[in-house]
Protein backbone atom coordinates (compact mmCIF):
# COMPACT_ATOMS: atom_id res chain seq x y z
CA MET A 1 -80.49 25.52 -0.18
CA ILE A 2 -77.14 27.06 -1.23
CA ARG A 3 -74.08 24.90 -0.75
CA LYS A 4 -70.53 26.16 -0.47
CA SER A 5 -68.41 24.98 -3.37
CA ILE A 6 -64.83 23.79 -2.95
CA PRO A 7 -62.30 26.51 -3.90
CA THR A 8 -60.36 25.89 -7.09
CA ASN A 9 -56.96 25.68 -5.37
CA ILE A 10 -58.22 23.05 -2.93
CA ALA A 11 -59.74 21.02 -5.77
CA ARG A 12 -56.40 21.24 -7.59
CA LYS A 13 -54.55 19.91 -4.56
CA LEU A 14 -57.01 17.03 -4.20
CA TRP A 15 -56.50 16.04 -7.84
CA SER A 16 -52.73 16.31 -7.43
CA GLN A 17 -52.80 14.14 -4.33
CA CYS A 18 -55.00 11.41 -5.80
CA SER A 19 -53.66 11.52 -9.41
CA GLY A 20 -57.02 10.26 -10.65
CA PHE A 21 -57.32 7.21 -8.35
CA CYS A 22 -59.49 6.45 -5.32
CA GLN A 23 -57.44 7.08 -2.17
CA ASN A 24 -58.79 4.03 -0.34
CA PRO A 25 -55.72 1.72 -0.43
CA SER A 26 -57.91 -1.39 -0.74
CA CYS A 27 -59.58 0.10 -3.82
CA ASN A 28 -57.36 2.48 -5.84
CA LYS A 29 -59.99 2.47 -8.60
CA TYR A 30 -59.36 4.80 -11.54
CA LEU A 31 -61.82 7.68 -11.15
CA PHE A 32 -62.98 7.74 -14.76
CA ALA A 33 -65.10 5.05 -16.40
CA GLU A 34 -65.53 4.71 -20.14
CA VAL A 35 -69.02 3.82 -21.37
CA GLU A 36 -69.02 3.47 -25.13
CA ASP A 37 -67.74 6.87 -26.31
CA ASN A 38 -68.30 8.71 -23.04
CA ALA A 39 -65.99 9.24 -20.09
CA VAL A 40 -67.83 9.37 -16.74
CA SER A 41 -66.29 10.77 -13.57
CA LEU A 42 -66.54 8.49 -10.53
CA ALA A 43 -64.74 10.97 -8.30
CA ASN A 44 -66.36 12.01 -5.03
CA VAL A 45 -64.92 14.61 -2.69
CA ALA A 46 -65.51 13.09 0.72
CA HIS A 47 -65.36 14.80 4.11
CA ILE A 48 -63.36 12.87 6.69
CA ILE A 49 -65.34 14.62 9.43
CA GLY A 50 -68.79 15.38 8.04
CA HIS A 51 -70.85 18.55 8.37
CA GLY A 52 -73.41 19.05 11.11
CA ILE A 53 -73.83 17.35 14.44
CA ASN A 54 -75.02 14.15 12.76
CA GLY A 55 -72.45 14.00 9.95
CA PRO A 56 -70.09 11.00 9.67
CA ARG A 57 -67.44 11.03 12.41
CA SER A 58 -68.73 14.45 13.58
CA GLU A 59 -68.27 13.45 17.25
CA HIS A 60 -64.49 13.31 16.84
CA GLU A 61 -62.49 15.61 19.12
CA LEU A 62 -61.17 17.55 16.08
CA ALA A 63 -64.67 18.39 14.82
CA ASN A 64 -64.78 21.84 16.39
CA HIS A 65 -61.16 22.73 15.59
CA ILE A 66 -60.83 22.13 11.85
CA ASP A 67 -62.07 23.69 8.65
CA ARG A 68 -64.42 20.95 7.49
CA ASP A 69 -64.14 22.16 3.90
CA GLY A 70 -60.36 22.51 4.14
CA ILE A 71 -57.85 20.33 2.32
CA ASP A 72 -56.90 18.42 5.50
CA ASN A 73 -60.49 17.22 5.97
CA LEU A 74 -61.10 16.15 2.37
CA ILE A 75 -60.22 12.95 0.54
CA MET A 76 -60.93 11.82 -3.01
CA LEU A 77 -62.84 8.55 -3.19
CA CYS A 78 -64.86 6.67 -5.77
CA LEU A 79 -68.66 6.60 -5.45
CA GLN A 80 -68.70 3.18 -3.80
CA CYS A 81 -66.00 3.89 -1.21
CA HIS A 82 -67.56 7.23 -0.30
CA LYS A 83 -70.88 5.59 0.41
CA ILE A 84 -69.27 2.78 2.42
CA VAL A 85 -67.17 5.00 4.70
CA ASP A 86 -70.13 7.29 5.44
CA GLU A 87 -72.80 4.64 5.99
CA LEU A 88 -70.44 2.41 8.02
CA GLN A 89 -68.80 5.31 9.80
CA ASP A 90 -68.17 3.35 12.98
CA GLN A 91 -65.86 1.01 11.06
CA PHE A 92 -63.78 3.81 9.52
CA SER A 93 -62.17 6.18 11.98
CA VAL A 94 -60.87 9.68 11.27
CA GLU A 95 -57.31 8.49 11.85
CA GLN A 96 -57.71 5.54 9.48
CA ILE A 97 -59.02 7.68 6.62
CA GLN A 98 -56.34 10.31 7.22
CA GLY A 99 -53.84 7.46 7.00
CA TRP A 100 -55.28 6.42 3.63
CA LYS A 101 -54.73 9.90 2.32
CA THR A 102 -51.14 10.15 3.53
CA THR A 103 -50.21 6.67 2.26
CA HIS A 104 -51.74 7.34 -1.14
CA GLU A 105 -49.91 10.65 -1.50
CA HIS A 106 -46.57 9.03 -0.64
CA LYS A 107 -47.28 6.24 -3.13
CA ILE A 108 -47.94 8.75 -5.91
CA ILE A 109 -44.76 10.64 -5.08
CA SER A 110 -42.74 7.41 -5.21
CA LEU A 111 -44.21 6.52 -8.61
CA PHE A 112 -42.91 9.81 -9.93
CA ASP A 113 -39.57 9.60 -8.19
CA LEU A 114 -37.82 12.09 -10.41
CA PRO A 115 -34.09 11.82 -11.14
CA GLN A 116 -31.55 14.33 -9.94
CA ILE A 117 -30.04 15.79 -13.11
CA HIS A 118 -26.95 18.00 -13.24
CA ASP A 119 -26.63 18.23 -17.02
CA GLU A 120 -28.97 20.81 -18.60
CA LYS A 121 -28.89 19.06 -21.97
CA ILE A 122 -30.13 15.77 -20.50
CA LEU A 123 -32.91 17.56 -18.61
CA LEU A 124 -34.02 19.54 -21.67
CA GLU A 125 -34.04 16.39 -23.82
CA LYS A 126 -36.49 14.78 -21.38
CA VAL A 127 -38.66 17.92 -21.39
CA ASN A 128 -38.56 18.14 -25.18
CA ASP A 129 -39.66 14.52 -25.58
CA LEU A 130 -42.73 15.21 -23.42
CA LEU A 131 -43.54 18.43 -25.29
CA ASP A 132 -43.26 16.64 -28.64
CA GLU A 133 -45.60 13.87 -27.51
CA ASN A 134 -48.20 16.46 -26.44
CA ARG A 135 -47.79 18.36 -29.71
CA VAL A 136 -48.36 15.26 -31.85
CA ILE A 137 -51.57 14.47 -29.95
CA PHE A 138 -52.77 18.08 -30.26
CA GLU A 139 -52.09 18.22 -33.99
CA GLU A 140 -53.74 14.86 -34.63
CA TYR A 141 -56.82 15.06 -32.38
CA GLY A 142 -56.94 18.57 -30.88
CA PRO A 143 -59.76 21.11 -31.30
CA PHE A 144 -58.06 22.71 -34.32
CA SER A 145 -56.95 19.50 -36.01
CA THR A 146 -58.05 18.59 -39.51
CA GLN A 147 -59.71 15.45 -38.13
CA ALA A 148 -61.78 17.51 -35.71
CA PHE A 149 -63.31 19.47 -38.58
CA GLU A 150 -63.58 16.66 -41.12
CA GLY A 151 -64.52 13.73 -38.88
CA LEU A 152 -68.26 13.23 -38.53
CA SER A 153 -68.37 10.28 -36.11
CA GLY A 154 -67.33 12.15 -32.97
CA ASP A 155 -64.53 9.66 -32.32
CA THR A 156 -61.83 12.32 -32.68
CA CYS A 157 -63.30 14.40 -29.87
CA THR A 158 -63.55 11.32 -27.65
CA ILE A 159 -59.93 10.36 -28.33
CA TRP A 160 -58.80 13.93 -27.64
CA ARG A 161 -60.52 13.98 -24.25
CA ARG A 162 -59.03 10.63 -23.30
CA ARG A 163 -55.51 11.65 -24.36
CA CYS A 164 -55.87 14.86 -22.33
CA LEU A 165 -56.50 12.76 -19.24
CA ASP A 166 -54.10 9.87 -19.75
CA THR A 167 -51.18 11.58 -21.51
CA ILE A 168 -51.19 15.39 -21.82
CA LEU A 169 -52.04 16.20 -18.18
CA PRO A 170 -49.45 13.74 -16.76
CA ASN A 171 -46.84 14.98 -19.25
CA ASN A 172 -47.48 18.58 -18.22
CA GLN A 173 -46.96 17.67 -14.59
CA LYS A 174 -43.77 15.70 -15.35
CA ILE A 175 -42.29 18.70 -17.16
CA ILE A 176 -42.99 21.00 -14.23
CA ASP A 177 -41.79 18.48 -11.64
CA LEU A 178 -38.56 17.73 -13.54
CA ILE A 179 -37.61 21.39 -13.49
CA GLU A 180 -38.85 22.02 -9.94
CA VAL A 181 -36.96 19.06 -8.48
CA ASN A 182 -33.68 19.99 -10.19
CA LYS A 183 -33.62 23.76 -9.83
CA LYS A 184 -31.17 23.54 -6.91
CA ASN A 185 -28.71 21.72 -9.14
CA PHE A 186 -28.10 24.80 -11.29
CA PRO A 187 -26.89 28.35 -10.58
CA TYR A 188 -29.48 30.94 -9.50
CA PRO A 189 -31.20 32.53 -11.38
CA TRP A 190 -31.88 29.59 -13.67
CA GLU A 191 -33.40 30.65 -17.01
CA ILE A 192 -35.04 27.27 -17.57
CA TYR A 193 -37.02 27.68 -14.35
CA ARG A 194 -38.13 31.19 -15.29
CA GLN A 195 -39.31 30.02 -18.70
CA MET A 196 -41.16 27.08 -17.12
CA MET A 197 -43.30 29.34 -14.92
CA ARG A 198 -45.26 30.58 -17.96
CA TYR A 199 -45.79 26.98 -18.97
CA LYS A 200 -47.05 26.20 -15.47
CA LEU A 201 -49.76 28.88 -15.79
CA HIS A 202 -50.97 27.15 -18.95
CA SER A 203 -50.77 23.72 -17.30
CA ASP A 204 -52.86 24.85 -14.31
CA SER A 205 -55.65 26.38 -16.40
CA PHE A 206 -55.65 23.42 -18.81
CA ARG A 207 -56.05 21.07 -15.85
CA ASP A 208 -58.87 23.19 -14.43
CA ASN A 209 -60.73 23.09 -17.73
CA CYS A 210 -60.20 19.33 -18.14
CA LEU A 211 -60.94 18.19 -14.59
CA LEU A 212 -62.66 20.81 -12.49
CA GLU A 213 -65.36 21.91 -14.93
CA LYS A 214 -64.55 25.51 -14.08
CA LYS A 215 -64.01 27.04 -17.49
CA ILE A 216 -62.10 30.24 -16.82
CA ASN A 217 -62.29 33.49 -18.76
CA ASP A 218 -58.56 34.17 -18.93
CA TYR A 219 -57.53 30.78 -20.27
CA LYS A 220 -53.74 30.62 -20.54
CA LEU A 221 -52.93 29.20 -23.96
CA PHE A 222 -49.93 27.01 -24.63
CA PRO A 223 -46.83 29.27 -24.43
CA ARG A 224 -45.09 28.60 -27.75
CA GLU A 225 -42.08 30.53 -26.45
CA PHE A 226 -41.36 27.77 -23.92
CA ASP A 227 -41.23 25.11 -26.63
CA ASP A 228 -39.04 27.40 -28.76
CA PHE A 229 -36.70 28.04 -25.84
CA VAL A 230 -36.22 24.33 -25.13
CA LYS A 231 -35.51 23.54 -28.77
CA ARG A 232 -33.09 26.46 -29.22
CA GLU A 233 -31.15 25.38 -26.15
CA LEU A 234 -30.86 21.91 -27.67
CA GLY A 235 -29.79 23.29 -31.04
CA LEU A 236 -32.95 22.01 -32.76
CA THR A 237 -34.79 23.73 -35.61
CA VAL A 238 -37.46 26.15 -34.46
CA GLU A 239 -40.47 26.86 -36.67
CA ASP A 240 -41.27 30.34 -37.90
CA ARG A 241 -43.95 30.93 -35.27
CA GLU A 242 -45.41 34.05 -36.89
CA ARG A 243 -45.88 32.33 -40.24
CA LYS A 244 -47.15 29.16 -38.56
CA TYR A 245 -49.67 31.15 -36.51
CA GLU A 246 -50.97 32.96 -39.59
CA GLU A 247 -51.40 29.64 -41.42
CA GLU A 248 -53.24 28.15 -38.44
CA LEU A 249 -55.46 31.21 -38.12
CA GLU A 250 -56.46 31.09 -41.78
CA PHE A 251 -57.06 27.33 -41.54
CA ARG A 252 -59.29 27.75 -38.49
CA LYS A 253 -61.33 30.57 -40.01
CA ALA A 254 -61.82 28.79 -43.31
CA THR A 255 -62.76 25.46 -41.78
CA VAL A 256 -65.20 27.01 -39.30
CA SER A 257 -66.94 28.80 -42.17
CA ASP A 258 -67.09 25.59 -44.21
CA TYR A 259 -68.33 23.67 -41.17
CA ILE A 260 -71.21 26.12 -40.62
CA GLU A 261 -72.25 26.07 -44.26
CA LYS A 262 -71.96 22.30 -44.50
CA PHE A 263 -74.42 21.64 -41.68
CA LEU A 264 -76.78 24.60 -41.95
CA ALA A 265 -77.10 25.27 -45.68
CA ASN A 266 -79.37 22.25 -46.21
CA HIS A 267 -81.29 22.46 -42.94
CA SER A 268 -85.00 21.95 -43.65
CA PHE A 269 -86.05 24.88 -41.45
CA ILE A 270 -83.64 27.36 -43.03
CA LYS A 271 -85.10 29.13 -46.05
CA ARG A 272 -82.06 31.23 -46.90
CA MET A 273 -78.56 31.70 -45.48
CA GLU A 274 -76.25 34.49 -46.59
CA LYS A 275 -72.63 34.73 -45.51
CA LEU A 276 -71.87 38.36 -44.60
CA ASN A 277 -68.22 37.86 -43.66
CA ILE A 278 -65.96 35.19 -42.19
CA ALA A 279 -67.97 35.06 -38.95
CA MET A 280 -71.40 36.55 -39.65
CA PHE A 281 -74.41 34.95 -41.34
CA ASP A 282 -77.86 36.27 -42.12
CA VAL A 283 -80.32 33.38 -41.71
CA GLU A 284 -83.97 33.45 -42.83
CA LEU A 285 -86.15 30.72 -41.34
CA GLN A 286 -89.20 29.01 -42.81
CA ASP A 287 -91.47 30.72 -40.25
CA GLY A 288 -90.37 34.17 -41.48
CA ARG A 289 -87.89 35.01 -38.73
CA ASN A 290 -84.53 36.53 -39.63
CA LEU A 291 -81.52 35.89 -37.40
CA ARG A 292 -78.13 37.57 -37.38
CA VAL A 293 -75.78 34.69 -36.51
CA PHE A 294 -72.23 35.09 -35.23
CA ALA A 295 -69.99 32.00 -35.46
CA THR A 296 -67.20 32.07 -32.88
CA ASN A 297 -63.76 30.56 -33.29
CA THR A 298 -63.07 30.08 -29.58
CA TYR A 299 -62.51 26.90 -27.59
CA PHE A 300 -64.48 28.13 -24.54
CA PHE A 301 -67.03 30.91 -24.94
CA THR A 302 -66.98 33.02 -21.76
CA GLU A 303 -68.32 36.36 -20.52
CA TYR A 304 -65.17 37.97 -21.88
CA THR A 305 -65.82 36.48 -25.33
CA PHE A 306 -69.39 37.77 -25.12
CA GLU A 307 -68.20 41.36 -24.65
CA GLN A 308 -65.87 41.00 -27.63
CA THR A 309 -68.68 39.63 -29.80
CA ILE A 310 -71.13 42.41 -28.90
CA THR A 311 -68.44 44.98 -29.73
CA VAL A 312 -68.21 43.51 -33.25
CA ASP A 313 -72.00 43.53 -33.80
CA PRO A 314 -74.46 44.69 -31.10
CA ALA A 315 -77.40 43.49 -33.25
CA VAL A 316 -76.45 39.81 -33.12
CA ASP A 317 -79.36 37.45 -32.37
CA VAL A 318 -77.47 34.17 -32.12
CA ILE A 319 -73.96 33.13 -31.15
CA ILE A 320 -72.79 29.68 -32.23
CA CYS A 321 -69.79 27.94 -30.73
CA SER A 322 -68.98 26.58 -34.14
CA LYS A 323 -65.93 24.36 -33.72
CA PRO A 324 -66.60 20.65 -33.14
CA TYR A 325 -65.22 20.72 -29.56
CA SER A 326 -66.49 24.21 -28.67
CA THR A 327 -68.48 24.80 -25.54
CA TYR A 328 -69.57 27.72 -23.39
CA THR A 329 -69.53 28.55 -19.71
CA SER A 330 -72.72 28.59 -17.66
CA GLU A 331 -72.10 32.24 -16.84
CA ALA A 332 -71.86 33.11 -20.55
CA LYS A 333 -75.11 31.25 -21.28
CA LYS A 334 -76.89 33.16 -18.54
CA LEU A 335 -75.45 36.48 -19.77
CA CYS A 336 -76.58 35.85 -23.35
CA ILE A 337 -80.10 34.87 -22.31
CA SER A 338 -80.43 38.01 -20.15
CA ASN A 339 -79.56 40.00 -23.28
CA GLY A 340 -82.06 38.13 -25.46
CA ILE A 341 -79.33 36.34 -27.40
CA GLY A 342 -79.26 32.62 -28.09
CA LEU A 343 -75.95 30.90 -27.26
CA PHE A 344 -75.58 27.39 -28.68
CA THR A 345 -73.24 24.76 -29.92
CA LEU A 346 -73.80 24.07 -33.61
CA LYS A 347 -75.67 20.87 -32.77
CA SER A 348 -78.06 22.53 -30.33
CA PHE A 349 -78.67 25.46 -32.69
CA MET A 350 -79.88 23.06 -35.37
CA GLY A 351 -82.66 22.00 -33.01
CA ALA A 352 -83.30 25.39 -31.39
CA ILE A 353 -84.19 27.22 -34.63
CA ARG A 354 -87.52 25.35 -34.68
CA LYS A 355 -88.41 27.05 -31.37
CA ASN A 356 -89.35 30.64 -30.60
CA GLY A 357 -89.11 33.04 -27.67
CA ASP A 358 -87.97 31.56 -24.36
CA GLU A 359 -88.06 28.05 -25.79
CA PHE A 360 -85.50 29.16 -28.36
CA LEU A 361 -83.21 30.95 -25.88
CA ASN A 362 -83.42 28.14 -23.31
CA TYR A 363 -83.18 25.23 -25.73
CA LEU A 364 -81.28 22.16 -24.55
CA LEU A 365 -80.66 18.94 -26.43
CA ASN A 366 -82.73 15.90 -25.54
CA GLU A 367 -79.65 14.18 -24.15
CA GLY A 368 -79.24 17.11 -21.75
CA ARG A 369 -82.74 16.48 -20.40
CA SER A 370 -82.35 12.71 -20.23
CA GLY A 371 -78.91 13.08 -18.65
CA ARG A 372 -80.36 15.28 -15.93
CA ILE A 373 -83.03 12.68 -15.16
CA SER A 374 -80.74 9.64 -15.21
CA ASN A 375 -78.11 11.38 -13.08
CA SER A 376 -80.73 12.36 -10.51
CA GLN A 377 -82.10 8.80 -10.44
CA SER A 378 -78.62 7.48 -9.76
CA LEU A 379 -78.09 9.89 -6.87
CA ILE A 380 -81.52 9.12 -5.39
CA ARG A 381 -80.59 5.42 -5.36
CA GLN A 382 -77.42 6.29 -3.46
CA ALA A 383 -79.51 8.14 -0.87
CA THR A 384 -81.50 4.93 -0.13
CA VAL A 385 -84.92 6.59 -0.27
CA PRO A 386 -87.65 4.23 1.06
CA LEU A 387 -89.42 2.43 -1.79
CA ASP A 388 -92.88 3.69 -0.79
CA PHE A 389 -91.74 7.31 -1.14
CA GLN A 390 -92.30 9.08 -4.46
CA VAL A 391 -89.65 11.40 -5.91
CA TYR A 392 -90.34 13.83 -8.76
CA ILE A 393 -87.91 16.07 -10.59
CA PHE A 394 -89.24 19.30 -12.08
CA GLY A 395 -88.29 22.90 -12.86
CA SER A 396 -86.31 24.51 -15.65
CA TYR A 397 -83.75 22.36 -17.40
CA LEU A 398 -81.81 25.54 -18.07
CA ARG A 399 -81.47 26.18 -14.34
CA ARG A 400 -79.88 22.77 -14.00
CA GLU A 401 -77.30 23.71 -16.62
CA ILE A 402 -76.55 27.19 -15.31
CA TYR A 403 -76.97 26.99 -11.55
CA LYS A 404 -76.31 23.28 -10.98
CA ASP A 405 -79.46 23.09 -8.90
CA ILE A 406 -82.16 20.42 -8.78
CA ASP A 407 -85.84 20.86 -7.89
CA PHE A 408 -87.40 17.83 -6.22
CA ILE A 409 -90.77 16.91 -4.79
CA LEU A 410 -90.51 14.23 -2.11
CA VAL A 411 -93.89 12.61 -1.42
CA TYR A 412 -94.17 10.42 1.68
CA PRO A 413 -97.04 8.03 2.55
CA THR A 414 -99.61 9.54 4.88
CA GLY A 415 -98.81 8.54 8.46
CA THR A 416 -95.03 8.18 7.96
CA GLU A 417 -93.03 8.89 11.11
CA SER A 418 -91.32 12.29 11.14
CA ASP A 419 -87.91 10.76 12.00
CA LEU A 420 -87.95 8.67 8.81
CA ILE A 421 -88.92 11.72 6.73
CA SER A 422 -86.13 13.81 8.30
CA SER A 423 -83.45 11.14 7.85
CA THR A 424 -84.50 10.57 4.22
CA VAL A 425 -84.26 14.28 3.43
CA GLU A 426 -80.85 14.48 5.13
CA ASN A 427 -79.57 11.50 3.14
CA ILE A 428 -80.68 13.11 -0.13
CA ARG A 429 -79.11 16.45 0.76
CA GLN A 430 -75.83 14.82 1.71
CA VAL A 431 -75.54 12.85 -1.53
CA PHE A 432 -76.20 15.93 -3.67
CA LYS A 433 -73.93 18.10 -1.55
CA ASP A 434 -71.05 15.68 -2.08
CA ARG A 435 -71.46 16.20 -5.83
CA LEU A 436 -71.53 19.98 -5.33
CA LEU A 437 -75.11 20.20 -6.60
CA LEU A 438 -77.64 22.63 -5.15
CA LEU A 439 -80.93 21.13 -4.06
CA ASP A 440 -84.41 22.49 -3.45
CA ILE A 441 -86.81 19.91 -1.99
CA THR A 442 -90.55 20.31 -1.62
CA ILE A 443 -91.72 17.81 1.02
CA CYS A 444 -95.35 16.78 1.26
CA SER A 445 -97.67 13.90 2.07
CA GLU A 446 -99.62 11.96 -0.57
CA ILE A 447 -102.79 13.89 0.31
CA GLU A 448 -101.01 17.27 0.01
CA TYR A 449 -99.43 16.25 -3.28
CA LYS A 450 -102.77 15.38 -4.87
CA ALA A 451 -104.05 18.87 -4.05
CA MET A 452 -101.10 20.61 -5.76
CA SER A 453 -101.39 22.42 -9.09
CA PHE A 454 -98.48 23.14 -11.43
CA GLU A 455 -97.95 25.84 -14.03
CA ASN A 456 -96.01 24.67 -17.11
CA ASP A 457 -95.93 21.20 -15.64
CA ASN A 458 -92.80 19.23 -16.54
CA ARG A 459 -92.62 16.79 -13.66
CA VAL A 460 -90.86 13.46 -14.13
CA ARG A 461 -91.10 10.73 -11.53
CA ILE A 462 -87.68 9.22 -10.81
CA GLN A 463 -88.78 6.88 -7.98
């Protein structure tokens, strides 16, 4: 069953309104939890008036007059609050929840009560301080930092992701808000405002990639010109950007090459590895296969990057997102597989080379499989499925990664009343819909289930 996803602009507004905190005023829980080295999102987009005739608060007089997937009918809650307001819908009215949202938004605005500044120098000093803080974090922990390439523990990547959430994203927003709020205090046209608009494009796409999991093809990189402009206006020294860029480019290329050789040269399944140029490797495996491997130097590998890679070498067999933080979009993964090309992170490639054919192209790390199972178990618990029902997860793990869909078999005891079966299915669908996951449920009795046969059986019981 295909579910409509929330448009990017609406998701942006929700994040802006909640600032990373549950909008229930009696909760205000931070919507990210840290478990060891992992950050887990607790954010749930909740509908104030639910979908369908039986959705929470769907009998309200506004139900037939609003866009139920519009910004006015959505609120950001934690997992617990979302479940409470939907299951105890009679205790939480539409007006009350709308009030939560308004109060929370006003509270956030008051926290960032920005000063009225009439002196450009003072304003630019504040902006420059925020830019410098972001730059120090990027240089120390960012995807092109020395620590990212040399550190083996993974801690640098974890720190970078945390600093993106707790420092860089808020700093970006403060810079934009400072200039927005004060633009009326200076003559029109105001050059600072014009320069800031390029920075805002970068800030928006950076936020999307950090929070919305919608990795975009045309990622707007940090506009160095904005930083230069601010520093020049303050009379500060500006680096030779062309020379600095060339140094960074050489550093990135050299370290990526070293990184590949360091981890692959001694791999037990690799018989021979020859470096053809800075990005291309010819790899001979122990089973006799030969692979032409292209190591990318991009942060996010997208469909656009794929076209560039194929232009360089149409005969490539494997593309590796080689940098420690590198990842790829689901669309790019699908595109590569359809062209018979393996797309991997370096870590997944080291496991995939032991596979062949579809198993090679579709290879996912064990943690990807276990994560899919544990996440589904958690959502099934939220749906309060009766204990005597059986729930199985099955289907391609790759489909879960690319299409965000889940294949379930729901097995009910013979003789179960149809109303209980229907309500259970609806509860499951609602929970998965709230997480923007597609769901395909096969529903059958215990007798019907025993008569089923499965090709390439990979069922896992999760209840």
